[in-house]
Amino acid sequence: MADDADFKIVGYEDVEAKEFGDEAPGVKIRWLIDAEADGAPVYALRMIEIDEGGNTPDHSHPFEHENFVVSGSGEVMIEGNWHQVKAGDVIFVPPNVRHQYRNAGSETFKFLCGVPV
């Protein structure tokens, strides 16, 4: 049986929401599970929260994203094309693909984002 140091059970709102920065207005990130805090060796899980009018940067990187939209509605840009997403949708963004997320509604757009560590 694992001891208490080997697992984590916590409400996601108990994990600090950090401002993403000037390049992502209205965006907060919660590192729900990661290597540094939790010792997760392969995968990090984050909650991204985008306020009304907010967006992430237009960017790409050498790792994939796996997303699950928890609440709200948004848009995801993949290689210059915008796609509507809503609660319950899943999104896969392959490595090295240009992408951006933005809130398309009046409530906070929240999605889980899994990335390799």
N, C-alpha and C. Protein backbone atom coordinates (compact mmCIF):
# COMPACT_ATOMS: atom_id res chain seq x y z
N MET A 1 0.85 -1.19 0.00
CA MET A 1 0.00 0.00 0.00
C MET A 1 0.89 1.24 0.00
N ALA A 2 0.49 2.24 -0.75
CA ALA A 2 1.24 3.50 -0.83
C ALA A 2 1.07 4.30 0.45
N ASP A 3 2.13 5.00 0.85
CA ASP A 3 1.96 5.89 1.99
C ASP A 3 1.50 7.26 1.51
N ASP A 4 1.22 8.17 2.44
CA ASP A 4 0.65 9.47 2.08
C ASP A 4 1.52 10.30 1.14
N ALA A 5 2.82 10.03 1.10
CA ALA A 5 3.71 10.79 0.23
C ALA A 5 3.62 10.36 -1.23
N ASP A 6 2.93 9.24 -1.51
CA ASP A 6 2.89 8.70 -2.86
C ASP A 6 1.68 9.10 -3.67
N PHE A 7 0.73 9.78 -3.09
CA PHE A 7 -0.47 10.15 -3.84
C PHE A 7 -0.97 11.52 -3.39
N LYS A 8 -1.94 12.03 -4.14
CA LYS A 8 -2.49 13.36 -3.86
C LYS A 8 -3.98 13.31 -4.12
N ILE A 9 -4.74 13.81 -3.19
CA ILE A 9 -6.18 14.00 -3.36
C ILE A 9 -6.49 15.39 -2.82
N VAL A 10 -6.98 16.26 -3.70
CA VAL A 10 -7.23 17.65 -3.31
C VAL A 10 -8.28 18.24 -4.25
N GLY A 11 -9.10 19.12 -3.73
CA GLY A 11 -10.01 19.87 -4.60
C GLY A 11 -9.20 20.80 -5.48
N TYR A 12 -9.56 20.89 -6.76
CA TYR A 12 -8.74 21.70 -7.67
C TYR A 12 -8.68 23.16 -7.25
N GLU A 13 -9.73 23.67 -6.62
CA GLU A 13 -9.72 25.08 -6.20
C GLU A 13 -8.79 25.31 -5.02
N ASP A 14 -8.31 24.23 -4.38
CA ASP A 14 -7.33 24.36 -3.30
C ASP A 14 -5.91 24.52 -3.84
N VAL A 15 -5.74 24.34 -5.13
CA VAL A 15 -4.45 24.56 -5.79
C VAL A 15 -4.42 26.01 -6.26
N GLU A 16 -3.35 26.72 -5.92
CA GLU A 16 -3.24 28.14 -6.24
C GLU A 16 -3.39 28.41 -7.73
N ALA A 17 -4.22 29.40 -8.05
CA ALA A 17 -4.35 29.88 -9.44
C ALA A 17 -3.35 31.01 -9.63
N LYS A 18 -2.43 30.83 -10.56
CA LYS A 18 -1.40 31.83 -10.82
C LYS A 18 -1.70 32.55 -12.11
N GLU A 19 -1.51 33.87 -12.10
CA GLU A 19 -1.66 34.65 -13.32
C GLU A 19 -0.64 34.16 -14.33
N PHE A 20 -1.07 33.97 -15.55
CA PHE A 20 -0.18 33.46 -16.59
C PHE A 20 0.86 34.50 -16.98
N GLY A 21 0.46 35.77 -17.03
CA GLY A 21 1.40 36.83 -17.36
C GLY A 21 0.85 37.77 -18.41
N ASP A 22 1.63 38.79 -18.74
CA ASP A 22 1.20 39.83 -19.68
C ASP A 22 0.89 39.28 -21.06
N GLU A 23 1.56 38.19 -21.46
CA GLU A 23 1.33 37.62 -22.79
C GLU A 23 0.01 36.86 -22.89
N ALA A 24 -0.67 36.69 -21.74
CA ALA A 24 -1.95 35.96 -21.72
C ALA A 24 -2.93 36.68 -20.80
N PRO A 25 -3.53 37.78 -21.27
CA PRO A 25 -4.43 38.55 -20.41
C PRO A 25 -5.66 37.74 -20.00
N GLY A 26 -5.99 37.81 -18.71
CA GLY A 26 -7.18 37.14 -18.20
C GLY A 26 -7.03 35.64 -18.04
N VAL A 27 -5.79 35.13 -18.06
CA VAL A 27 -5.57 33.68 -17.97
C VAL A 27 -4.89 33.33 -16.66
N LYS A 28 -5.45 32.31 -16.00
CA LYS A 28 -4.85 31.76 -14.78
C LYS A 28 -4.57 30.29 -15.01
N ILE A 29 -3.54 29.78 -14.33
CA ILE A 29 -3.16 28.38 -14.46
C ILE A 29 -3.01 27.78 -13.07
N ARG A 30 -3.56 26.59 -12.90
CA ARG A 30 -3.40 25.81 -11.67
C ARG A 30 -2.64 24.54 -12.06
N TRP A 31 -1.46 24.35 -11.48
CA TRP A 31 -0.67 23.14 -11.72
C TRP A 31 -1.21 22.07 -10.77
N LEU A 32 -2.19 21.30 -11.24
CA LEU A 32 -2.88 20.33 -10.40
C LEU A 32 -1.97 19.16 -10.02
N ILE A 33 -1.25 18.64 -10.98
CA ILE A 33 -0.30 17.54 -10.76
C ILE A 33 0.93 17.86 -11.61
N ASP A 34 2.11 17.83 -10.98
CA ASP A 34 3.33 18.07 -11.74
C ASP A 34 4.53 17.39 -11.10
N ALA A 35 5.63 17.43 -11.80
CA ALA A 35 6.84 16.77 -11.32
C ALA A 35 7.39 17.44 -10.07
N GLU A 36 7.44 18.77 -10.06
CA GLU A 36 8.06 19.49 -8.96
C GLU A 36 7.32 19.29 -7.64
N ALA A 37 6.02 19.52 -7.63
CA ALA A 37 5.26 19.44 -6.37
C ALA A 37 4.85 18.02 -6.00
N ASP A 38 4.62 17.19 -7.02
CA ASP A 38 4.01 15.88 -6.77
C ASP A 38 4.89 14.70 -7.15
N GLY A 39 5.99 14.96 -7.83
CA GLY A 39 6.85 13.87 -8.26
C GLY A 39 6.30 13.07 -9.42
N ALA A 40 5.34 13.63 -10.15
CA ALA A 40 4.78 12.94 -11.31
C ALA A 40 5.86 12.84 -12.39
N PRO A 41 6.28 11.63 -12.77
CA PRO A 41 7.44 11.49 -13.65
C PRO A 41 7.17 11.63 -15.14
N VAL A 42 5.90 11.58 -15.59
CA VAL A 42 5.64 11.50 -17.01
C VAL A 42 4.70 12.60 -17.51
N TYR A 43 3.75 13.01 -16.70
CA TYR A 43 2.60 13.78 -17.16
C TYR A 43 2.27 14.87 -16.15
N ALA A 44 1.96 16.05 -16.64
CA ALA A 44 1.49 17.15 -15.78
C ALA A 44 0.05 17.47 -16.17
N LEU A 45 -0.76 17.78 -15.17
CA LEU A 45 -2.16 18.13 -15.41
C LEU A 45 -2.39 19.53 -14.85
N ARG A 46 -2.94 20.39 -15.71
CA ARG A 46 -3.17 21.79 -15.34
C ARG A 46 -4.62 22.15 -15.59
N MET A 47 -5.14 23.09 -14.81
CA MET A 47 -6.45 23.69 -15.08
C MET A 47 -6.16 25.09 -15.60
N ILE A 48 -6.62 25.37 -16.80
CA ILE A 48 -6.48 26.69 -17.40
C ILE A 48 -7.83 27.39 -17.26
N GLU A 49 -7.82 28.62 -16.78
CA GLU A 49 -9.04 29.40 -16.58
C GLU A 49 -8.88 30.72 -17.33
N ILE A 50 -9.75 30.95 -18.30
CA ILE A 50 -9.66 32.15 -19.12
C ILE A 50 -10.91 32.99 -18.87
N ASP A 51 -10.71 34.19 -18.35
CA ASP A 51 -11.81 35.11 -18.09
C ASP A 51 -12.41 35.65 -19.38
N GLU A 52 -13.60 36.19 -19.29
CA GLU A 52 -14.25 36.81 -20.44
C GLU A 52 -13.28 37.79 -21.10
N GLY A 53 -13.11 37.68 -22.41
CA GLY A 53 -12.21 38.57 -23.15
C GLY A 53 -10.75 38.15 -23.12
N GLY A 54 -10.41 37.08 -22.38
CA GLY A 54 -9.02 36.67 -22.24
C GLY A 54 -8.59 35.68 -23.31
N ASN A 55 -7.26 35.52 -23.43
CA ASN A 55 -6.70 34.57 -24.39
C ASN A 55 -5.29 34.17 -24.00
N THR A 56 -4.90 32.99 -24.48
CA THR A 56 -3.52 32.56 -24.34
C THR A 56 -2.71 33.13 -25.50
N PRO A 57 -1.40 33.04 -25.44
CA PRO A 57 -0.60 33.50 -26.58
C PRO A 57 -0.77 32.59 -27.79
N ASP A 58 -0.54 33.12 -28.96
CA ASP A 58 -0.45 32.35 -30.20
C ASP A 58 0.96 31.76 -30.20
N HIS A 59 1.07 30.43 -30.12
CA HIS A 59 2.38 29.83 -29.93
C HIS A 59 2.41 28.37 -30.41
N SER A 60 3.60 27.79 -30.39
CA SER A 60 3.80 26.37 -30.63
C SER A 60 4.97 25.91 -29.77
N HIS A 61 5.08 24.61 -29.58
CA HIS A 61 6.16 24.02 -28.78
C HIS A 61 6.30 22.55 -29.15
N PRO A 62 7.38 21.91 -28.74
CA PRO A 62 7.66 20.55 -29.19
C PRO A 62 6.90 19.44 -28.46
N PHE A 63 5.90 19.78 -27.68
CA PHE A 63 5.12 18.76 -26.98
C PHE A 63 3.64 18.95 -27.26
N GLU A 64 2.89 17.90 -27.08
CA GLU A 64 1.45 17.89 -27.34
C GLU A 64 0.66 18.46 -26.16
N HIS A 65 -0.61 18.77 -26.43
CA HIS A 65 -1.60 19.10 -25.40
C HIS A 65 -2.75 18.13 -25.51
N GLU A 66 -3.26 17.68 -24.38
CA GLU A 66 -4.55 16.99 -24.33
C GLU A 66 -5.46 17.83 -23.47
N ASN A 67 -6.62 18.23 -23.98
CA ASN A 67 -7.52 19.13 -23.26
C ASN A 67 -8.90 18.51 -23.09
N PHE A 68 -9.52 18.85 -21.97
CA PHE A 68 -10.93 18.53 -21.73
C PHE A 68 -11.59 19.80 -21.23
N VAL A 69 -12.61 20.29 -21.94
CA VAL A 69 -13.29 21.52 -21.55
C VAL A 69 -14.25 21.21 -20.40
N VAL A 70 -14.02 21.87 -19.27
CA VAL A 70 -14.80 21.64 -18.05
C VAL A 70 -16.04 22.52 -18.02
N SER A 71 -15.87 23.80 -18.34
CA SER A 71 -17.01 24.72 -18.31
C SER A 71 -16.74 25.93 -19.20
N GLY A 72 -17.84 26.60 -19.54
CA GLY A 72 -17.74 27.76 -20.40
C GLY A 72 -17.66 27.37 -21.86
N SER A 73 -17.41 28.39 -22.67
CA SER A 73 -17.23 28.15 -24.10
C SER A 73 -16.02 28.94 -24.56
N GLY A 74 -15.38 28.41 -25.57
CA GLY A 74 -14.19 29.06 -26.06
C GLY A 74 -13.95 28.76 -27.52
N GLU A 75 -12.80 29.22 -27.95
CA GLU A 75 -12.35 28.95 -29.30
C GLU A 75 -10.89 28.53 -29.21
N VAL A 76 -10.53 27.59 -30.05
CA VAL A 76 -9.13 27.19 -30.15
C VAL A 76 -8.70 27.38 -31.60
N MET A 77 -7.56 28.04 -31.75
CA MET A 77 -6.99 28.26 -33.07
C MET A 77 -5.93 27.18 -33.28
N ILE A 78 -6.05 26.48 -34.39
CA ILE A 78 -5.07 25.48 -34.79
C ILE A 78 -4.56 25.88 -36.18
N GLU A 79 -3.28 26.24 -36.26
CA GLU A 79 -2.66 26.61 -37.53
C GLU A 79 -3.48 27.66 -38.29
N GLY A 80 -3.99 28.68 -37.55
CA GLY A 80 -4.69 29.80 -38.18
C GLY A 80 -6.19 29.63 -38.33
N ASN A 81 -6.73 28.44 -38.04
CA ASN A 81 -8.17 28.19 -38.17
C ASN A 81 -8.81 28.07 -36.79
N TRP A 82 -9.90 28.83 -36.57
CA TRP A 82 -10.58 28.86 -35.28
C TRP A 82 -11.69 27.81 -35.22
N HIS A 83 -11.81 27.15 -34.06
CA HIS A 83 -12.81 26.11 -33.83
C HIS A 83 -13.53 26.40 -32.52
N GLN A 84 -14.85 26.33 -32.53
CA GLN A 84 -15.66 26.53 -31.33
C GLN A 84 -15.58 25.29 -30.45
N VAL A 85 -15.44 25.50 -29.13
CA VAL A 85 -15.45 24.39 -28.17
C VAL A 85 -16.32 24.76 -26.98
N LYS A 86 -16.85 23.73 -26.31
CA LYS A 86 -17.74 23.93 -25.18
C LYS A 86 -17.50 22.84 -24.15
N ALA A 87 -18.13 22.96 -22.99
CA ALA A 87 -18.00 21.98 -21.93
C ALA A 87 -18.27 20.58 -22.47
N GLY A 88 -17.41 19.64 -22.12
CA GLY A 88 -17.52 18.27 -22.57
C GLY A 88 -16.69 17.94 -23.80
N ASP A 89 -16.19 18.95 -24.51
CA ASP A 89 -15.37 18.70 -25.69
C ASP A 89 -13.94 18.33 -25.29
N VAL A 90 -13.30 17.54 -26.15
CA VAL A 90 -11.88 17.23 -25.99
C VAL A 90 -11.12 17.80 -27.17
N ILE A 91 -9.87 18.18 -26.91
CA ILE A 91 -9.02 18.80 -27.92
C ILE A 91 -7.65 18.14 -27.84
N PHE A 92 -7.11 17.76 -28.96
CA PHE A 92 -5.73 17.27 -29.03
C PHE A 92 -4.96 18.21 -29.94
N VAL A 93 -3.87 18.77 -29.42
CA VAL A 93 -3.00 19.63 -30.22
C VAL A 93 -1.65 18.91 -30.32
N PRO A 94 -1.27 18.46 -31.53
CA PRO A 94 -0.01 17.75 -31.70
C PRO A 94 1.20 18.66 -31.44
N PRO A 95 2.37 18.05 -31.27
CA PRO A 95 3.60 18.84 -31.10
C PRO A 95 3.85 19.74 -32.31
N ASN A 96 4.47 20.88 -32.05
CA ASN A 96 4.93 21.82 -33.08
C ASN A 96 3.81 22.41 -33.94
N VAL A 97 2.59 22.40 -33.44
CA VAL A 97 1.45 22.98 -34.14
C VAL A 97 1.09 24.31 -33.48
N ARG A 98 0.97 25.35 -34.30
CA ARG A 98 0.60 26.68 -33.81
C ARG A 98 -0.82 26.63 -33.27
N HIS A 99 -1.02 27.21 -32.04
CA HIS A 99 -2.34 27.17 -31.41
C HIS A 99 -2.52 28.33 -30.44
N GLN A 100 -3.79 28.59 -30.11
CA GLN A 100 -4.16 29.64 -29.17
C GLN A 100 -5.57 29.33 -28.68
N TYR A 101 -5.85 29.70 -27.44
CA TYR A 101 -7.18 29.53 -26.85
C TYR A 101 -7.71 30.90 -26.46
N ARG A 102 -9.04 31.08 -26.59
CA ARG A 102 -9.65 32.32 -26.11
C ARG A 102 -11.07 32.04 -25.62
N ASN A 103 -11.50 32.87 -24.69
CA ASN A 103 -12.85 32.77 -24.15
C ASN A 103 -13.82 33.33 -25.18
N ALA A 104 -14.90 32.59 -25.45
CA ALA A 104 -15.90 33.03 -26.42
C ALA A 104 -17.25 33.28 -25.77
N GLY A 105 -17.28 33.35 -24.44
CA GLY A 105 -18.55 33.53 -23.74
C GLY A 105 -18.44 34.54 -22.62
N SER A 106 -19.44 34.54 -21.76
CA SER A 106 -19.47 35.51 -20.66
C SER A 106 -19.06 34.90 -19.32
N GLU A 107 -18.90 33.56 -19.26
CA GLU A 107 -18.42 32.93 -18.04
C GLU A 107 -17.00 32.45 -18.26
N THR A 108 -16.30 32.16 -17.17
CA THR A 108 -14.92 31.70 -17.27
C THR A 108 -14.86 30.41 -18.08
N PHE A 109 -13.95 30.37 -19.04
CA PHE A 109 -13.69 29.21 -19.88
C PHE A 109 -12.62 28.39 -19.17
N LYS A 110 -12.98 27.17 -18.73
CA LYS A 110 -12.06 26.32 -17.97
C LYS A 110 -11.83 25.02 -18.72
N PHE A 111 -10.55 24.65 -18.82
CA PHE A 111 -10.24 23.35 -19.41
C PHE A 111 -9.03 22.73 -18.75
N LEU A 112 -9.06 21.41 -18.67
CA LEU A 112 -7.92 20.66 -18.21
C LEU A 112 -6.93 20.54 -19.36
N CYS A 113 -5.66 20.64 -19.03
CA CYS A 113 -4.61 20.57 -20.04
C CYS A 113 -3.52 19.63 -19.55
N GLY A 114 -3.36 18.52 -20.25
CA GLY A 114 -2.32 17.57 -19.91
C GLY A 114 -1.14 17.73 -20.87
N VAL A 115 0.06 17.72 -20.28
CA VAL A 115 1.28 17.83 -21.07
C VAL A 115 2.34 16.88 -20.48
N PRO A 116 3.25 16.40 -21.31
CA PRO A 116 4.35 15.61 -20.76
C PRO A 116 5.28 16.49 -19.94
N VAL A 117 5.94 15.89 -18.96
CA VAL A 117 6.89 16.67 -18.14
C VAL A 117 8.27 16.63 -18.73
